[in-house]
Amino acid sequence: MELSLVGDRKTRIKVSIKELENNKWLKSVLDGLKPFKESSRYKYYLIDGDLLNRRKDGE
């Protein structure tokens, strides 16, 4: 799984199909989401919000 920022407030999640099939927790978390792009090896999800950087108190 790979996380990367897209723009200011979006996070792209790149997950291999093999990892998605073998990881029950990951599959349950991404189950309700529709991938915005798919290839033969990967599924790409776009999530609103910055999942990489924690917000500090007061910001």
PDB file of N, CA and C in Angstrom:
ATOM      1  N   MET A   1       0.850  -1.162   0.000  1.00  0.00           N
ATOM      2  CA  MET A   1       0.000   0.000   0.000  1.00  0.00           C
ATOM      3  C   MET A   1       0.898   1.229   0.000  1.00  0.00           C
ATOM      4  N   GLU A   2       0.484   2.220  -0.771  1.00  0.00           N
ATOM      5  CA  GLU A   2       1.249   3.460  -0.885  1.00  0.00           C
ATOM      6  C   GLU A   2       0.293   4.636  -0.746  1.00  0.00           C
ATOM      7  N   LEU A   3       0.655   5.589   0.094  1.00  0.00           N
ATOM      8  CA  LEU A   3      -0.137   6.802   0.284  1.00  0.00           C
ATOM      9  C   LEU A   3       0.627   7.976  -0.303  1.00  0.00           C
ATOM     10  N   SER A   4      -0.078   8.868  -0.978  1.00  0.00           N
ATOM     11  CA  SER A   4       0.548  10.083  -1.495  1.00  0.00           C
ATOM     12  C   SER A   4      -0.472  11.208  -1.511  1.00  0.00           C
ATOM     13  N   LEU A   5       0.023  12.430  -1.319  1.00  0.00           N
ATOM     14  CA  LEU A   5      -0.854  13.596  -1.317  1.00  0.00           C
ATOM     15  C   LEU A   5      -1.111  14.053  -2.741  1.00  0.00           C
ATOM     16  N   VAL A   6      -2.358  14.432  -2.987  1.00  0.00           N
ATOM     17  CA  VAL A   6      -2.759  14.980  -4.285  1.00  0.00           C
ATOM     18  C   VAL A   6      -3.403  16.319  -3.983  1.00  0.00           C
ATOM     19  N   GLY A   7      -2.764  17.386  -4.379  1.00  0.00           N
ATOM     20  CA  GLY A   7      -3.293  18.707  -4.070  1.00  0.00           C
ATOM     21  C   GLY A   7      -3.142  19.011  -2.592  1.00  0.00           C
ATOM     22  N   ASP A   8      -4.044  19.846  -2.081  1.00  0.00           N
ATOM     23  CA  ASP A   8      -3.972  20.256  -0.685  1.00  0.00           C
ATOM     24  C   ASP A   8      -4.642  19.287   0.275  1.00  0.00           C
ATOM     25  N   ARG A   9      -5.788  18.799  -0.088  1.00  0.00           N
ATOM     26  CA  ARG A   9      -6.606  18.080   0.873  1.00  0.00           C
ATOM     27  C   ARG A   9      -7.053  16.690   0.417  1.00  0.00           C
ATOM     28  N   LYS A  10      -6.307  16.029  -0.440  1.00  0.00           N
ATOM     29  CA  LYS A  10      -6.694  14.703  -0.897  1.00  0.00           C
ATOM     30  C   LYS A  10      -5.518  13.739  -0.762  1.00  0.00           C
ATOM     31  N   THR A  11      -5.834  12.499  -0.445  1.00  0.00           N
ATOM     32  CA  THR A  11      -4.833  11.455  -0.310  1.00  0.00           C
ATOM     33  C   THR A  11      -5.162  10.345  -1.297  1.00  0.00           C
ATOM     34  N   ARG A  12      -4.151   9.938  -2.061  1.00  0.00           N
ATOM     35  CA  ARG A  12      -4.309   8.832  -2.997  1.00  0.00           C
ATOM     36  C   ARG A  12      -3.751   7.579  -2.338  1.00  0.00           C
ATOM     37  N   ILE A  13      -4.531   6.499  -2.366  1.00  0.00           N
ATOM     38  CA  ILE A  13      -4.116   5.221  -1.814  1.00  0.00           C
ATOM     39  C   ILE A  13      -3.953   4.243  -2.973  1.00  0.00           C
ATOM     40  N   LYS A  14      -2.769   3.690  -3.098  1.00  0.00           N
ATOM     41  CA  LYS A  14      -2.465   2.714  -4.146  1.00  0.00           C
ATOM     42  C   LYS A  14      -2.286   1.360  -3.463  1.00  0.00           C
ATOM     43  N   VAL A  15      -3.152   0.407  -3.797  1.00  0.00           N
ATOM     44  CA  VAL A  15      -3.127  -0.907  -3.153  1.00  0.00           C
ATOM     45  C   VAL A  15      -3.034  -1.977  -4.226  1.00  0.00           C
ATOM     46  N   SER A  16      -2.138  -2.936  -4.026  1.00  0.00           N
ATOM     47  CA  SER A  16      -2.077  -4.044  -4.974  1.00  0.00           C
ATOM     48  C   SER A  16      -3.285  -4.948  -4.755  1.00  0.00           C
ATOM     49  N   ILE A  17      -3.772  -5.518  -5.811  1.00  0.00           N
ATOM     50  CA  ILE A  17      -4.941  -6.395  -5.737  1.00  0.00           C
ATOM     51  C   ILE A  17      -4.635  -7.610  -4.872  1.00  0.00           C
ATOM     52  N   LYS A  18      -3.419  -8.117  -4.962  1.00  0.00           N
ATOM     53  CA  LYS A  18      -3.005  -9.259  -4.157  1.00  0.00           C
ATOM     54  C   LYS A  18      -3.051  -8.926  -2.668  1.00  0.00           C
ATOM     55  N   GLU A  19      -2.559  -7.738  -2.301  1.00  0.00           N
ATOM     56  CA  GLU A  19      -2.585  -7.306  -0.908  1.00  0.00           C
ATOM     57  C   GLU A  19      -4.024  -7.107  -0.430  1.00  0.00           C
ATOM     58  N   LEU A  20      -4.856  -6.570  -1.284  1.00  0.00           N
ATOM     59  CA  LEU A  20      -6.253  -6.334  -0.934  1.00  0.00           C
ATOM     60  C   LEU A  20      -7.000  -7.641  -0.695  1.00  0.00           C
ATOM     61  N   GLU A  21      -6.690  -8.668  -1.455  1.00  0.00           N
ATOM     62  CA  GLU A  21      -7.340  -9.970  -1.288  1.00  0.00           C
ATOM     63  C   GLU A  21      -6.871 -10.688  -0.027  1.00  0.00           C
ATOM     64  N   ASN A  22      -5.609 -10.497   0.370  1.00  0.00           N
ATOM     65  CA  ASN A  22      -5.037 -11.240   1.491  1.00  0.00           C
ATOM     66  C   ASN A  22      -5.133 -10.537   2.832  1.00  0.00           C
ATOM     67  N   ASN A  23      -5.447  -9.257   2.863  1.00  0.00           N
ATOM     68  CA  ASN A  23      -5.500  -8.494   4.097  1.00  0.00           C
ATOM     69  C   ASN A  23      -6.960  -8.186   4.436  1.00  0.00           C
ATOM     70  N   LYS A  24      -7.506  -8.916   5.410  1.00  0.00           N
ATOM     71  CA  LYS A  24      -8.928  -8.773   5.756  1.00  0.00           C
ATOM     72  C   LYS A  24      -9.252  -7.384   6.296  1.00  0.00           C
ATOM     73  N   TRP A  25      -8.357  -6.812   7.123  1.00  0.00           N
ATOM     74  CA  TRP A  25      -8.614  -5.498   7.683  1.00  0.00           C
ATOM     75  C   TRP A  25      -8.654  -4.428   6.593  1.00  0.00           C
ATOM     76  N   LEU A  26      -7.663  -4.460   5.704  1.00  0.00           N
ATOM     77  CA  LEU A  26      -7.597  -3.481   4.626  1.00  0.00           C
ATOM     78  C   LEU A  26      -8.808  -3.606   3.707  1.00  0.00           C
ATOM     79  N   LYS A  27      -9.194  -4.822   3.422  1.00  0.00           N
ATOM     80  CA  LYS A  27     -10.358  -5.062   2.563  1.00  0.00           C
ATOM     81  C   LYS A  27     -11.632  -4.508   3.212  1.00  0.00           C
ATOM     82  N   SER A  28     -11.769  -4.684   4.521  1.00  0.00           N
ATOM     83  CA  SER A  28     -12.966  -4.181   5.200  1.00  0.00           C
ATOM     84  C   SER A  28     -12.994  -2.657   5.235  1.00  0.00           C
ATOM     85  N   VAL A  29     -11.835  -2.018   5.353  1.00  0.00           N
ATOM     86  CA  VAL A  29     -11.773  -0.557   5.398  1.00  0.00           C
ATOM     87  C   VAL A  29     -12.104   0.047   4.035  1.00  0.00           C
ATOM     88  N   LEU A  30     -11.588  -0.545   2.966  1.00  0.00           N
ATOM     89  CA  LEU A  30     -11.781   0.009   1.625  1.00  0.00           C
ATOM     90  C   LEU A  30     -13.001  -0.571   0.914  1.00  0.00           C
ATOM     91  N   ASP A  31     -13.744  -1.439   1.583  1.00  0.00           N
ATOM     92  CA  ASP A  31     -14.868  -2.138   0.954  1.00  0.00           C
ATOM     93  C   ASP A  31     -15.942  -1.198   0.424  1.00  0.00           C
ATOM     94  N   GLY A  32     -16.292  -0.164   1.156  1.00  0.00           N
ATOM     95  CA  GLY A  32     -17.359   0.731   0.729  1.00  0.00           C
ATOM     96  C   GLY A  32     -16.931   1.773  -0.294  1.00  0.00           C
ATOM     97  N   LEU A  33     -15.655   1.862  -0.561  1.00  0.00           N
ATOM     98  CA  LEU A  33     -15.141   2.882  -1.476  1.00  0.00           C
ATOM     99  C   LEU A  33     -14.993   2.327  -2.883  1.00  0.00           C
ATOM    100  N   LYS A  34     -15.232   3.187  -3.847  1.00  0.00           N
ATOM    101  CA  LYS A  34     -15.065   2.800  -5.244  1.00  0.00           C
ATOM    102  C   LYS A  34     -13.722   3.335  -5.738  1.00  0.00           C
ATOM    103  N   PRO A  35     -12.885   2.480  -6.299  1.00  0.00           N
ATOM    104  CA  PRO A  35     -11.601   2.975  -6.809  1.00  0.00           C
ATOM    105  C   PRO A  35     -11.811   3.915  -7.987  1.00  0.00           C
ATOM    106  N   PHE A  36     -10.999   4.985  -8.051  1.00  0.00           N
ATOM    107  CA  PHE A  36     -11.140   5.922  -9.163  1.00  0.00           C
ATOM    108  C   PHE A  36     -10.334   5.461 -10.369  1.00  0.00           C
ATOM    109  N   LYS A  37      -9.435   4.508 -10.163  1.00  0.00           N
ATOM    110  CA  LYS A  37      -8.628   3.978 -11.254  1.00  0.00           C
ATOM    111  C   LYS A  37      -8.233   2.555 -10.903  1.00  0.00           C
ATOM    112  N   GLU A  38      -8.188   1.682 -11.904  1.00  0.00           N
ATOM    113  CA  GLU A  38      -7.771   0.299 -11.696  1.00  0.00           C
ATOM    114  C   GLU A  38      -6.851  -0.129 -12.825  1.00  0.00           C
ATOM    115  N   SER A  39      -5.876  -0.947 -12.489  1.00  0.00           N
ATOM    116  CA  SER A  39      -5.028  -1.573 -13.495  1.00  0.00           C
ATOM    117  C   SER A  39      -5.033  -3.073 -13.214  1.00  0.00           C
ATOM    118  N   SER A  40      -4.235  -3.814 -13.944  1.00  0.00           N
ATOM    119  CA  SER A  40      -4.220  -5.253 -13.734  1.00  0.00           C
ATOM    120  C   SER A  40      -3.585  -5.637 -12.399  1.00  0.00           C
ATOM    121  N   ARG A  41      -2.793  -4.745 -11.802  1.00  0.00           N
ATOM    122  CA  ARG A  41      -2.114  -5.043 -10.538  1.00  0.00           C
ATOM    123  C   ARG A  41      -2.547  -4.180  -9.360  1.00  0.00           C
ATOM    124  N   TYR A  42      -3.062  -2.983  -9.619  1.00  0.00           N
ATOM    125  CA  TYR A  42      -3.334  -2.036  -8.543  1.00  0.00           C
ATOM    126  C   TYR A  42      -4.742  -1.456  -8.635  1.00  0.00           C
ATOM    127  N   LYS A  43      -5.229  -1.023  -7.458  1.00  0.00           N
ATOM    128  CA  LYS A  43      -6.448  -0.220  -7.368  1.00  0.00           C
ATOM    129  C   LYS A  43      -6.059   1.080  -6.687  1.00  0.00           C
ATOM    130  N   TYR A  44      -6.598   2.179  -7.201  1.00  0.00           N
ATOM    131  CA  TYR A  44      -6.289   3.507  -6.689  1.00  0.00           C
ATOM    132  C   TYR A  44      -7.559   4.117  -6.099  1.00  0.00           C
ATOM    133  N   TYR A  45      -7.452   4.592  -4.862  1.00  0.00           N
ATOM    134  CA  TYR A  45      -8.565   5.238  -4.178  1.00  0.00           C
ATOM    135  C   TYR A  45      -8.177   6.677  -3.885  1.00  0.00           C
ATOM    136  N   LEU A  46      -9.151   7.571  -3.923  1.00  0.00           N
ATOM    137  CA  LEU A  46      -8.926   8.980  -3.618  1.00  0.00           C
ATOM    138  C   LEU A  46      -9.803   9.345  -2.430  1.00  0.00           C
ATOM    139  N   ILE A  47      -9.157   9.797  -1.348  1.00  0.00           N
ATOM    140  CA  ILE A  47      -9.839  10.091  -0.096  1.00  0.00           C
ATOM    141  C   ILE A  47      -9.707  11.587   0.188  1.00  0.00           C
ATOM    142  N   ASP A  48     -10.804  12.217   0.589  1.00  0.00           N
ATOM    143  CA  ASP A  48     -10.741  13.619   1.015  1.00  0.00           C
ATOM    144  C   ASP A  48     -10.002  13.690   2.345  1.00  0.00           C
ATOM    145  N   GLY A  49      -9.084  14.631   2.455  1.00  0.00           N
ATOM    146  CA  GLY A  49      -8.339  14.827   3.693  1.00  0.00           C
ATOM    147  C   GLY A  49      -6.895  14.389   3.554  1.00  0.00           C
ATOM    148  N   ASP A  50      -6.065  14.908   4.439  1.00  0.00           N
ATOM    149  CA  ASP A  50      -4.642  14.601   4.473  1.00  0.00           C
ATOM    150  C   ASP A  50      -4.414  13.488   5.489  1.00  0.00           C
ATOM    151  N   LEU A  51      -4.241  12.263   5.020  1.00  0.00           N
ATOM    152  CA  LEU A  51      -4.034  11.141   5.922  1.00  0.00           C
ATOM    153  C   LEU A  51      -2.570  10.938   6.306  1.00  0.00           C
ATOM    154  N   LEU A  52      -1.665  11.668   5.682  1.00  0.00           N
ATOM    155  CA  LEU A  52      -0.239  11.501   5.943  1.00  0.00           C
ATOM    156  C   LEU A  52       0.274  12.390   7.074  1.00  0.00           C
ATOM    157  N   ASN A  53      -0.228  13.597   7.158  1.00  0.00           N
ATOM    158  CA  ASN A  53       0.265  14.558   8.138  1.00  0.00           C
ATOM    159  C   ASN A  53      -0.779  14.790   9.221  1.00  0.00           C
ATOM    160  N   ARG A  54      -0.372  14.610  10.460  1.00  0.00           N
ATOM    161  CA  ARG A  54      -1.286  14.865  11.562  1.00  0.00           C
ATOM    162  C   ARG A  54      -1.446  16.349  11.772  1.00  0.00           C
ATOM    163  N   ARG A  55      -2.653  16.737  12.091  1.00  0.00           N
ATOM    164  CA  ARG A  55      -2.892  18.137  12.414  1.00  0.00           C
ATOM    165  C   ARG A  55      -2.423  18.419  13.826  1.00  0.00           C
ATOM    166  N   LYS A  56      -1.751  19.535  14.013  1.00  0.00           N
ATOM    167  CA  LYS A  56      -1.311  19.931  15.347  1.00  0.00           C
ATOM    168  C   LYS A  56      -2.456  20.663  16.031  1.00  0.00           C
ATOM    169  N   ASP A  57      -2.448  20.661  17.372  1.00  0.00           N
ATOM    170  CA  ASP A  57      -3.492  21.355  18.126  1.00  0.00           C
ATOM    171  C   ASP A  57      -3.512  22.826  17.776  1.00  0.00           C
ATOM    172  N   GLY A  58      -4.693  23.352  17.580  1.00  0.00           N
ATOM    173  CA  GLY A  58      -4.850  24.763  17.281  1.00  0.00           C
ATOM    174  C   GLY A  58      -4.799  25.102  15.801  1.00  0.00           C
ATOM    175  N   GLU A  59      -4.605  24.129  14.945  1.00  0.00           N
ATOM    176  CA  GLU A  59      -4.558  24.414  13.495  1.00  0.00           C
ATOM    177  C   GLU A  59      -5.783  23.888  12.822  1.00  0.00           C
TER     178      GLU A  59
END
